């Protein structure tokens, strides 16, 4: 049985927390298959709030280490979805 984990990360203050969040993501790059980042941007505003979606691969133990390190970063919220499937 194959597992896929999707992590959603809400960064409440990108200017303050982006560096710490990026350090954690870089340390765990070997388990990140896909990463999408979003924040509001217009001519007048660049939002301090951002959203990151991660699709993880590899061993679930490594996913948990990533999640634990992210949880130590202040100013973020993490949600997860786990899927089990037969596909590789």
PDB file of N, CA and C in Angstrom:
ATOM      1  N   UNK A   1       0.844  -1.179   0.000  1.00  0.00           N
ATOM      2  CA  UNK A   1       0.000   0.000   0.000  1.00  0.00           C
ATOM      3  C   UNK A   1       0.890   1.243   0.000  1.00  0.00           C
ATOM      4  N   UNK A   2       0.647   2.123  -0.905  1.00  0.00           N
ATOM      5  CA  UNK A   2       1.392   3.379  -1.051  1.00  0.00           C
ATOM      6  C   UNK A   2       0.680   4.487  -0.270  1.00  0.00           C
ATOM      7  N   UNK A   3       1.432   5.419   0.299  1.00  0.00           N
ATOM      8  CA  UNK A   3       0.842   6.540   1.020  1.00  0.00           C
ATOM      9  C   UNK A   3       1.299   7.862   0.408  1.00  0.00           C
ATOM     10  N   UNK A   4       0.400   8.810   0.412  1.00  0.00           N
ATOM     11  CA  UNK A   4       0.714  10.172  -0.004  1.00  0.00           C
ATOM     12  C   UNK A   4       0.219  11.113   1.081  1.00  0.00           C
ATOM     13  N   UNK A   5       1.039  12.088   1.407  1.00  0.00           N
ATOM     14  CA  UNK A   5       0.675  13.085   2.417  1.00  0.00           C
ATOM     15  C   UNK A   5       0.648  14.449   1.749  1.00  0.00           C
ATOM     16  N   UNK A   6      -0.412  15.207   2.022  1.00  0.00           N
ATOM     17  CA  UNK A   6      -0.507  16.592   1.581  1.00  0.00           C
ATOM     18  C   UNK A   6      -0.530  17.456   2.828  1.00  0.00           C
ATOM     19  N   UNK A   7       0.408  18.400   2.912  1.00  0.00           N
ATOM     20  CA  UNK A   7       0.429  19.338   4.026  1.00  0.00           C
ATOM     21  C   UNK A   7       0.013  20.708   3.516  1.00  0.00           C
ATOM     22  N   UNK A   8      -0.876  21.341   4.238  1.00  0.00           N
ATOM     23  CA  UNK A   8      -1.240  22.727   3.984  1.00  0.00           C
ATOM     24  C   UNK A   8      -0.669  23.577   5.098  1.00  0.00           C
ATOM     25  N   UNK A   9       0.038  24.627   4.743  1.00  0.00           N
ATOM     26  CA  UNK A   9       0.682  25.494   5.729  1.00  0.00           C
ATOM     27  C   UNK A   9       0.177  26.912   5.516  1.00  0.00           C
ATOM     28  N   UNK A  10      -0.383  27.508   6.548  1.00  0.00           N
ATOM     29  CA  UNK A  10      -0.798  28.906   6.509  1.00  0.00           C
ATOM     30  C   UNK A  10       0.227  29.702   7.301  1.00  0.00           C
ATOM     31  N   UNK A  11       0.890  30.627   6.624  1.00  0.00           N
ATOM     32  CA  UNK A  11       1.906  31.465   7.249  1.00  0.00           C
ATOM     33  C   UNK A  11       1.249  32.814   7.541  1.00  0.00           C
ATOM     34  N   UNK A  12       1.096  33.142   8.806  1.00  0.00           N
ATOM     35  CA  UNK A  12       0.376  34.354   9.192  1.00  0.00           C
ATOM     36  C   UNK A  12       1.161  35.634   8.914  1.00  0.00           C
ATOM     37  N   UNK A  13       2.487  35.569   8.973  1.00  0.00           N
ATOM     38  CA  UNK A  13       3.318  36.753   8.714  1.00  0.00           C
ATOM     39  C   UNK A  13       4.517  36.327   7.876  1.00  0.00           C
ATOM     40  N   UNK A  14       4.354  36.374   6.548  1.00  0.00           N
ATOM     41  CA  UNK A  14       5.403  35.903   5.641  1.00  0.00           C
ATOM     42  C   UNK A  14       6.724  36.630   5.863  1.00  0.00           C
ATOM     43  N   UNK A  15       6.660  37.916   6.138  1.00  0.00           N
ATOM     44  CA  UNK A  15       7.888  38.702   6.292  1.00  0.00           C
ATOM     45  C   UNK A  15       8.673  38.212   7.501  1.00  0.00           C
ATOM     46  N   UNK A  16       7.974  37.880   8.563  1.00  0.00           N
ATOM     47  CA  UNK A  16       8.639  37.429   9.791  1.00  0.00           C
ATOM     48  C   UNK A  16       9.003  35.949   9.754  1.00  0.00           C
ATOM     49  N   UNK A  17       8.140  35.098   9.210  1.00  0.00           N
ATOM     50  CA  UNK A  17       8.295  33.645   9.328  1.00  0.00           C
ATOM     51  C   UNK A  17       8.842  32.948   8.084  1.00  0.00           C
ATOM     52  N   UNK A  18       8.926  33.634   6.970  1.00  0.00           N
ATOM     53  CA  UNK A  18       9.331  32.975   5.724  1.00  0.00           C
ATOM     54  C   UNK A  18      10.726  32.358   5.811  1.00  0.00           C
ATOM     55  N   UNK A  19      11.661  33.054   6.412  1.00  0.00           N
ATOM     56  CA  UNK A  19      13.029  32.543   6.500  1.00  0.00           C
ATOM     57  C   UNK A  19      13.124  31.250   7.295  1.00  0.00           C
ATOM     58  N   UNK A  20      12.464  31.217   8.452  1.00  0.00           N
ATOM     59  CA  UNK A  20      12.481  30.013   9.288  1.00  0.00           C
ATOM     60  C   UNK A  20      11.778  28.853   8.587  1.00  0.00           C
ATOM     61  N   UNK A  21      10.645  29.162   7.968  1.00  0.00           N
ATOM     62  CA  UNK A  21       9.891  28.125   7.256  1.00  0.00           C
ATOM     63  C   UNK A  21      10.730  27.568   6.111  1.00  0.00           C
ATOM     64  N   UNK A  22      11.388  28.442   5.363  1.00  0.00           N
ATOM     65  CA  UNK A  22      12.219  28.011   4.237  1.00  0.00           C
ATOM     66  C   UNK A  22      13.368  27.126   4.703  1.00  0.00           C
ATOM     67  N   UNK A  23      13.978  27.449   5.824  1.00  0.00           N
ATOM     68  CA  UNK A  23      15.070  26.619   6.357  1.00  0.00           C
ATOM     69  C   UNK A  23      14.596  25.192   6.623  1.00  0.00           C
ATOM     70  N   UNK A  24      13.432  25.059   7.229  1.00  0.00           N
ATOM     71  CA  UNK A  24      12.889  23.726   7.534  1.00  0.00           C
ATOM     72  C   UNK A  24      12.590  22.987   6.229  1.00  0.00           C
ATOM     73  N   UNK A  25      11.947  23.655   5.279  1.00  0.00           N
ATOM     74  CA  UNK A  25      11.614  23.009   4.010  1.00  0.00           C
ATOM     75  C   UNK A  25      12.873  22.568   3.258  1.00  0.00           C
ATOM     76  N   UNK A  26      13.913  23.377   3.309  1.00  0.00           N
ATOM     77  CA  UNK A  26      15.176  23.026   2.638  1.00  0.00           C
ATOM     78  C   UNK A  26      15.806  21.788   3.280  1.00  0.00           C
ATOM     79  N   UNK A  27      15.779  21.710   4.615  1.00  0.00           N
ATOM     80  CA  UNK A  27      16.348  20.540   5.309  1.00  0.00           C
ATOM     81  C   UNK A  27      15.619  19.254   4.943  1.00  0.00           C
ATOM     82  N   UNK A  28      14.337  19.363   4.598  1.00  0.00           N
ATOM     83  CA  UNK A  28      13.523  18.183   4.312  1.00  0.00           C
ATOM     84  C   UNK A  28      13.142  18.085   2.831  1.00  0.00           C
ATOM     85  N   UNK A  29      13.942  18.679   1.983  1.00  0.00           N
ATOM     86  CA  UNK A  29      13.634  18.710   0.541  1.00  0.00           C
ATOM     87  C   UNK A  29      13.533  17.310  -0.063  1.00  0.00           C
ATOM     88  N   UNK A  30      14.188  16.325   0.534  1.00  0.00           N
ATOM     89  CA  UNK A  30      14.170  14.973  -0.023  1.00  0.00           C
ATOM     90  C   UNK A  30      12.797  14.311   0.042  1.00  0.00           C
ATOM     91  N   UNK A  31      11.880  14.814   0.874  1.00  0.00           N
ATOM     92  CA  UNK A  31      10.539  14.223   0.957  1.00  0.00           C
ATOM     93  C   UNK A  31       9.471  15.083   0.290  1.00  0.00           C
ATOM     94  N   UNK A  32       9.862  16.246  -0.221  1.00  0.00           N
ATOM     95  CA  UNK A  32       8.891  17.147  -0.852  1.00  0.00           C
ATOM     96  C   UNK A  32       8.878  16.886  -2.356  1.00  0.00           C
ATOM     97  N   UNK A  33       7.786  16.300  -2.835  1.00  0.00           N
ATOM     98  CA  UNK A  33       7.637  16.026  -4.265  1.00  0.00           C
ATOM     99  C   UNK A  33       7.131  17.263  -4.997  1.00  0.00           C
ATOM    100  N   UNK A  34       6.162  17.967  -4.403  1.00  0.00           N
ATOM    101  CA  UNK A  34       5.592  19.157  -5.016  1.00  0.00           C
ATOM    102  C   UNK A  34       5.405  20.224  -3.957  1.00  0.00           C
ATOM    103  N   UNK A  35       5.692  21.464  -4.339  1.00  0.00           N
ATOM    104  CA  UNK A  35       5.521  22.600  -3.426  1.00  0.00           C
ATOM    105  C   UNK A  35       4.892  23.745  -4.200  1.00  0.00           C
ATOM    106  N   UNK A  36       3.785  24.251  -3.681  1.00  0.00           N
ATOM    107  CA  UNK A  36       3.107  25.399  -4.277  1.00  0.00           C
ATOM    108  C   UNK A  36       2.945  26.464  -3.203  1.00  0.00           C
ATOM    109  N   UNK A  37       3.290  27.689  -3.528  1.00  0.00           N
ATOM    110  CA  UNK A  37       3.148  28.784  -2.586  1.00  0.00           C
ATOM    111  C   UNK A  37       2.286  29.886  -3.167  1.00  0.00           C
ATOM    112  N   UNK A  38       1.426  30.464  -2.349  1.00  0.00           N
ATOM    113  CA  UNK A  38       0.498  31.502  -2.788  1.00  0.00           C
ATOM    114  C   UNK A  38       0.450  32.635  -1.771  1.00  0.00           C
ATOM    115  N   UNK A  39       0.346  33.852  -2.265  1.00  0.00           N
ATOM    116  CA  UNK A  39       0.020  35.001  -1.426  1.00  0.00           C
ATOM    117  C   UNK A  39      -0.611  36.068  -2.310  1.00  0.00           C
ATOM    118  N   UNK A  40      -1.401  36.916  -1.698  1.00  0.00           N
ATOM    119  CA  UNK A  40      -2.104  37.973  -2.415  1.00  0.00           C
ATOM    120  C   UNK A  40      -1.101  39.017  -2.890  1.00  0.00           C
ATOM    121  N   UNK A  41      -1.207  39.385  -4.156  1.00  0.00           N
ATOM    122  CA  UNK A  41      -0.283  40.355  -4.725  1.00  0.00           C
ATOM    123  C   UNK A  41      -1.049  41.232  -5.702  1.00  0.00           C
ATOM    124  N   UNK A  42      -0.900  42.530  -5.550  1.00  0.00           N
ATOM    125  CA  UNK A  42      -1.497  43.474  -6.492  1.00  0.00           C
ATOM    126  C   UNK A  42      -0.569  44.683  -6.588  1.00  0.00           C
ATOM    127  N   UNK A  43      -0.977  45.684  -7.346  1.00  0.00           N
ATOM    128  CA  UNK A  43      -0.157  46.891  -7.470  1.00  0.00           C
ATOM    129  C   UNK A  43      -0.029  47.632  -6.141  1.00  0.00           C
ATOM    130  N   UNK A  44      -1.032  47.458  -5.270  1.00  0.00           N
ATOM    131  CA  UNK A  44      -1.071  48.229  -4.032  1.00  0.00           C
ATOM    132  C   UNK A  44      -0.705  47.447  -2.777  1.00  0.00           C
ATOM    133  N   UNK A  45      -0.697  46.129  -2.868  1.00  0.00           N
ATOM    134  CA  UNK A  45      -0.512  45.348  -1.639  1.00  0.00           C
ATOM    135  C   UNK A  45       0.202  44.028  -1.922  1.00  0.00           C
ATOM    136  N   UNK A  46       1.026  43.634  -1.000  1.00  0.00           N
ATOM    137  CA  UNK A  46       1.625  42.304  -0.992  1.00  0.00           C
ATOM    138  C   UNK A  46       1.305  41.731   0.384  1.00  0.00           C
ATOM    139  N   UNK A  47       0.390  40.784   0.416  1.00  0.00           N
ATOM    140  CA  UNK A  47      -0.132  40.265   1.670  1.00  0.00           C
ATOM    141  C   UNK A  47       0.953  39.653   2.537  1.00  0.00           C
ATOM    142  N   UNK A  48       0.816  39.836   3.819  1.00  0.00           N
ATOM    143  CA  UNK A  48       1.726  39.211   4.783  1.00  0.00           C
ATOM    144  C   UNK A  48       1.348  37.759   5.021  1.00  0.00           C
ATOM    145  N   UNK A  49       0.134  37.367   4.641  1.00  0.00           N
ATOM    146  CA  UNK A  49      -0.345  35.999   4.835  1.00  0.00           C
ATOM    147  C   UNK A  49      -0.063  35.195   3.578  1.00  0.00           C
ATOM    148  N   UNK A  50       0.449  33.988   3.740  1.00  0.00           N
ATOM    149  CA  UNK A  50       0.733  33.116   2.606  1.00  0.00           C
ATOM    150  C   UNK A  50       0.293  31.692   2.895  1.00  0.00           C
ATOM    151  N   UNK A  51       0.098  30.942   1.821  1.00  0.00           N
ATOM    152  CA  UNK A  51      -0.298  29.543   1.918  1.00  0.00           C
ATOM    153  C   UNK A  51       0.696  28.704   1.130  1.00  0.00           C
ATOM    154  N   UNK A  52       1.112  27.588   1.710  1.00  0.00           N
ATOM    155  CA  UNK A  52       2.016  26.652   1.040  1.00  0.00           C
ATOM    156  C   UNK A  52       1.347  25.286   1.046  1.00  0.00           C
ATOM    157  N   UNK A  53       1.330  24.639  -0.110  1.00  0.00           N
ATOM    158  CA  UNK A  53       0.843  23.262  -0.220  1.00  0.00           C
ATOM    159  C   UNK A  53       2.027  22.372  -0.555  1.00  0.00           C
ATOM    160  N   UNK A  54       2.190  21.292   0.199  1.00  0.00           N
ATOM    161  CA  UNK A  54       3.270  20.330  -0.028  1.00  0.00           C
ATOM    162  C   UNK A  54       2.679  18.958  -0.290  1.00  0.00           C
ATOM    163  N   UNK A  55       3.184  18.277  -1.300  1.00  0.00           N
ATOM    164  CA  UNK A  55       2.882  16.862  -1.506  1.00  0.00           C
ATOM    165  C   UNK A  55       4.162  16.118  -1.166  1.00  0.00           C
ATOM    166  N   UNK A  56       4.067  15.215  -0.209  1.00  0.00           N
ATOM    167  CA  UNK A  56       5.247  14.535   0.308  1.00  0.00           C
ATOM    168  C   UNK A  56       5.376  13.129  -0.245  1.00  0.00           C
ATOM    169  N   UNK A  57       6.610  12.688  -0.367  1.00  0.00           N
ATOM    170  CA  UNK A  57       6.927  11.339  -0.815  1.00  0.00           C
ATOM    171  C   UNK A  57       7.885  10.725   0.186  1.00  0.00           C
ATOM    172  N   UNK A  58       8.162   9.442   0.025  1.00  0.00           N
ATOM    173  CA  UNK A  58       9.128   8.791   0.900  1.00  0.00           C
ATOM    174  C   UNK A  58       8.490   8.168   2.122  1.00  0.00           C
ATOM    175  N   UNK A  59       9.279   8.083   3.184  1.00  0.00           N
ATOM    176  CA  UNK A  59       8.859   7.381   4.397  1.00  0.00           C
ATOM    177  C   UNK A  59       8.051   8.291   5.324  1.00  0.00           C
ATOM    178  N   UNK A  60       6.934   7.772   5.828  1.00  0.00           N
ATOM    179  CA  UNK A  60       6.102   8.558   6.751  1.00  0.00           C
ATOM    180  C   UNK A  60       6.855   9.064   7.986  1.00  0.00           C
ATOM    181  N   UNK A  61       7.885   8.358   8.440  1.00  0.00           N
ATOM    182  CA  UNK A  61       8.660   8.830   9.592  1.00  0.00           C
ATOM    183  C   UNK A  61       9.331  10.166   9.272  1.00  0.00           C
ATOM    184  N   UNK A  62       9.784  10.314   8.029  1.00  0.00           N
ATOM    185  CA  UNK A  62      10.413  11.570   7.620  1.00  0.00           C
ATOM    186  C   UNK A  62       9.382  12.680   7.518  1.00  0.00           C
ATOM    187  N   UNK A  63       8.162  12.339   7.101  1.00  0.00           N
ATOM    188  CA  UNK A  63       7.083  13.337   7.041  1.00  0.00           C
ATOM    189  C   UNK A  63       6.829  13.889   8.434  1.00  0.00           C
ATOM    190  N   UNK A  64       6.825  12.998   9.402  1.00  0.00           N
ATOM    191  CA  UNK A  64       6.543  13.412  10.780  1.00  0.00           C
ATOM    192  C   UNK A  64       7.635  14.330  11.309  1.00  0.00           C
ATOM    193  N   UNK A  65       8.886  14.056  10.974  1.00  0.00           N
ATOM    194  CA  UNK A  65       9.984  14.938  11.399  1.00  0.00           C
ATOM    195  C   UNK A  65       9.818  16.325  10.785  1.00  0.00           C
ATOM    196  N   UNK A  66       9.445  16.370   9.505  1.00  0.00           N
ATOM    197  CA  UNK A  66       9.187  17.653   8.842  1.00  0.00           C
ATOM    198  C   UNK A  66       8.069  18.391   9.562  1.00  0.00           C
ATOM    199  N   UNK A  67       6.981  17.700   9.821  1.00  0.00           N
ATOM    200  CA  UNK A  67       5.828  18.315  10.487  1.00  0.00           C
ATOM    201  C   UNK A  67       6.198  18.834  11.874  1.00  0.00           C
ATOM    202  N   UNK A  68       6.980  18.053  12.616  1.00  0.00           N
ATOM    203  CA  UNK A  68       7.404  18.464  13.961  1.00  0.00           C
ATOM    204  C   UNK A  68       8.252  19.732  13.915  1.00  0.00           C
ATOM    205  N   UNK A  69       9.167  19.803  12.952  1.00  0.00           N
ATOM    206  CA  UNK A  69      10.013  20.998  12.832  1.00  0.00           C
ATOM    207  C   UNK A  69       9.195  22.209  12.408  1.00  0.00           C
ATOM    208  N   UNK A  70       8.257  21.998  11.484  1.00  0.00           N
ATOM    209  CA  UNK A  70       7.400  23.111  11.072  1.00  0.00           C
ATOM    210  C   UNK A  70       6.568  23.611  12.242  1.00  0.00           C
ATOM    211  N   UNK A  71       6.096  22.704  13.090  1.00  0.00           N
ATOM    212  CA  UNK A  71       5.266  23.079  14.230  1.00  0.00           C
ATOM    213  C   UNK A  71       6.023  23.968  15.223  1.00  0.00           C
ATOM    214  N   UNK A  72       7.343  23.899  15.212  1.00  0.00           N
ATOM    215  CA  UNK A  72       8.155  24.724  16.104  1.00  0.00           C
ATOM    216  C   UNK A  72       8.319  26.150  15.587  1.00  0.00           C
ATOM    217  N   UNK A  73       8.026  26.358  14.313  1.00  0.00           N
ATOM    218  CA  UNK A  73       8.102  27.706  13.740  1.00  0.00           C
ATOM    219  C   UNK A  73       6.869  28.466  14.219  1.00  0.00           C
ATOM    220  N   UNK A  74       7.060  29.603  14.812  1.00  0.00           N
ATOM    221  CA  UNK A  74       5.918  30.388  15.277  1.00  0.00           C
ATOM    222  C   UNK A  74       5.183  31.018  14.108  1.00  0.00           C
ATOM    223  N   UNK A  75       3.905  31.275  14.291  1.00  0.00           N
ATOM    224  CA  UNK A  75       3.158  32.020  13.295  1.00  0.00           C
ATOM    225  C   UNK A  75       2.686  31.242  12.090  1.00  0.00           C
ATOM    226  N   UNK A  76       2.608  29.918  12.203  1.00  0.00           N
ATOM    227  CA  UNK A  76       2.069  29.119  11.104  1.00  0.00           C
ATOM    228  C   UNK A  76       1.048  28.120  11.647  1.00  0.00           C
ATOM    229  N   UNK A  77       0.168  27.687  10.768  1.00  0.00           N
ATOM    230  CA  UNK A  77      -0.799  26.641  11.086  1.00  0.00           C
ATOM    231  C   UNK A  77      -0.638  25.545  10.045  1.00  0.00           C
ATOM    232  N   UNK A  78      -0.714  24.289  10.474  1.00  0.00           N
ATOM    233  CA  UNK A  78      -0.499  23.145   9.576  1.00  0.00           C
ATOM    234  C   UNK A  78      -1.737  22.254   9.584  1.00  0.00           C
ATOM    235  N   UNK A  79      -2.163  21.869   8.405  1.00  0.00           N
ATOM    236  CA  UNK A  79      -3.245  20.886   8.244  1.00  0.00           C
ATOM    237  C   UNK A  79      -2.703  19.774   7.352  1.00  0.00           C
ATOM    238  N   UNK A  80      -3.227  18.569   7.520  1.00  0.00           N
ATOM    239  CA  UNK A  80      -2.723  17.453   6.710  1.00  0.00           C
ATOM    240  C   UNK A  80      -3.850  16.588   6.187  1.00  0.00           C
ATOM    241  N   UNK A  81      -3.557  15.973   5.046  1.00  0.00           N
ATOM    242  CA  UNK A  81      -4.436  14.959   4.447  1.00  0.00           C
ATOM    243  C   UNK A  81      -3.551  13.771   4.097  1.00  0.00           C
ATOM    244  N   UNK A  82      -3.989  12.569   4.465  1.00  0.00           N
ATOM    245  CA  UNK A  82      -3.258  11.345   4.136  1.00  0.00           C
ATOM    246  C   UNK A  82      -4.118  10.490   3.209  1.00  0.00           C
ATOM    247  N   UNK A  83      -3.463   9.955   2.201  1.00  0.00           N
ATOM    248  CA  UNK A  83      -4.130   9.068   1.248  1.00  0.00           C
ATOM    249  C   UNK A  83      -3.379   7.760   1.196  1.00  0.00           C
ATOM    250  N   UNK A  84      -4.100   6.669   1.126  1.00  0.00           N
ATOM    251  CA  UNK A  84      -3.516   5.341   0.897  1.00  0.00           C
ATOM    252  C   UNK A  84      -4.042   4.826  -0.420  1.00  0.00           C
ATOM    253  N   UNK A  85      -3.142   4.289  -1.248  1.00  0.00           N
ATOM    254  CA  UNK A  85      -3.559   3.851  -2.572  1.00  0.00           C
ATOM    255  C   UNK A  85      -2.630   2.749  -3.063  1.00  0.00           C
ATOM    256  N   UNK A  86      -3.032   2.102  -4.134  1.00  0.00           N
ATOM    257  CA  UNK A  86      -2.281   0.998  -4.702  1.00  0.00           C
ATOM    258  C   UNK A  86      -1.316   1.450  -5.804  1.00  0.00           C
ATOM    259  N   UNK A  87      -1.395   2.696  -6.230  1.00  0.00           N
ATOM    260  CA  UNK A  87      -0.595   3.183  -7.354  1.00  0.00           C
ATOM    261  C   UNK A  87       0.797   3.571  -6.894  1.00  0.00           C
ATOM    262  N   UNK A  88       1.759   3.468  -7.781  1.00  0.00           N
ATOM    263  CA  UNK A  88       3.130   3.896  -7.483  1.00  0.00           C
ATOM    264  C   UNK A  88       3.440   5.185  -8.143  1.00  0.00           C
TER     265      UNK A  88
END
